[in-house]
Amino acid sequence: MVNHSMLPYSQLSVTRLVNELYFKERVGGKKWLNIPAAFDTETSSFIDEHDLKESAIVYVWMFGICGTVIYGRELSEFVDLIHALNSALIKLDSRLIVYIHFAKYDFSFIKYLFEWDKVFLKENRDVLFADYGNIEFRDSLVLSGGQSLENIGKKLRVKTEKAVGNL
C-alpha cells in the first residue's frame, strides 16, 4: 500500500495498511509507529441565510500515512478510519502520532466526533495535542515555530507548492 497514491476511503483495508507499517521502540517500552501521518480538511465557509452567521463545512478530508493519502467526503468515514486504526494499534500495543497543521482550525470539526482521553490546550480552542486511544494528534504549526506550510515547503525545497491566496 505504500506507493505514494491517493486512495478513496471506500477502497481502504486498515488491516493491510497496519501490517505494512514499521515500528520503533521508545522509552518505557512503548512501541510507536515510525512513519509520517497527517490529517487535513478542505472546507468552505458561507453565511447561513437563516441566522446570518458565518458557518463552515468540510467537503473533503485527507489522512496521509506512509506515502498514501486516504480521503473521503464524510467525516463519519474519518471516524471509522480512526476507530479501526486505533483498534489495530491497541492489539499491537503501539501508538501513532498524527500531525495536523493549524490544529486549532481542523480540530474544531472533529472535536465532538471522538471521546478524547486527553486534550491539552494552549488557550481556549488552541489545541496542542489530543489523545484518542493509541493515536495522538499534534499541532505541527506549533512544532514548526508558527511557520506556514508554504514557508516550510520552501525551506525544505519540496517540488509541490502549497496553494495560497483566494483560491
Foldseek 3Di string as FASTA:
>chain_A
DLDLEEAELVPDDLVVVVVPFDWDADPPRAIETPWAKEKDFDKDWDQDPPVRDIDMDTQKMWIDINNYIYMDRDVVSVLVSVVVNLVVCVVVRHAYEYEYAQCLPVVVVCVVVADWPDWDAPDVSRTQWTHDRRYIYGHVCVVVVNDDPQVVCVVVVDPDGDDDDDD
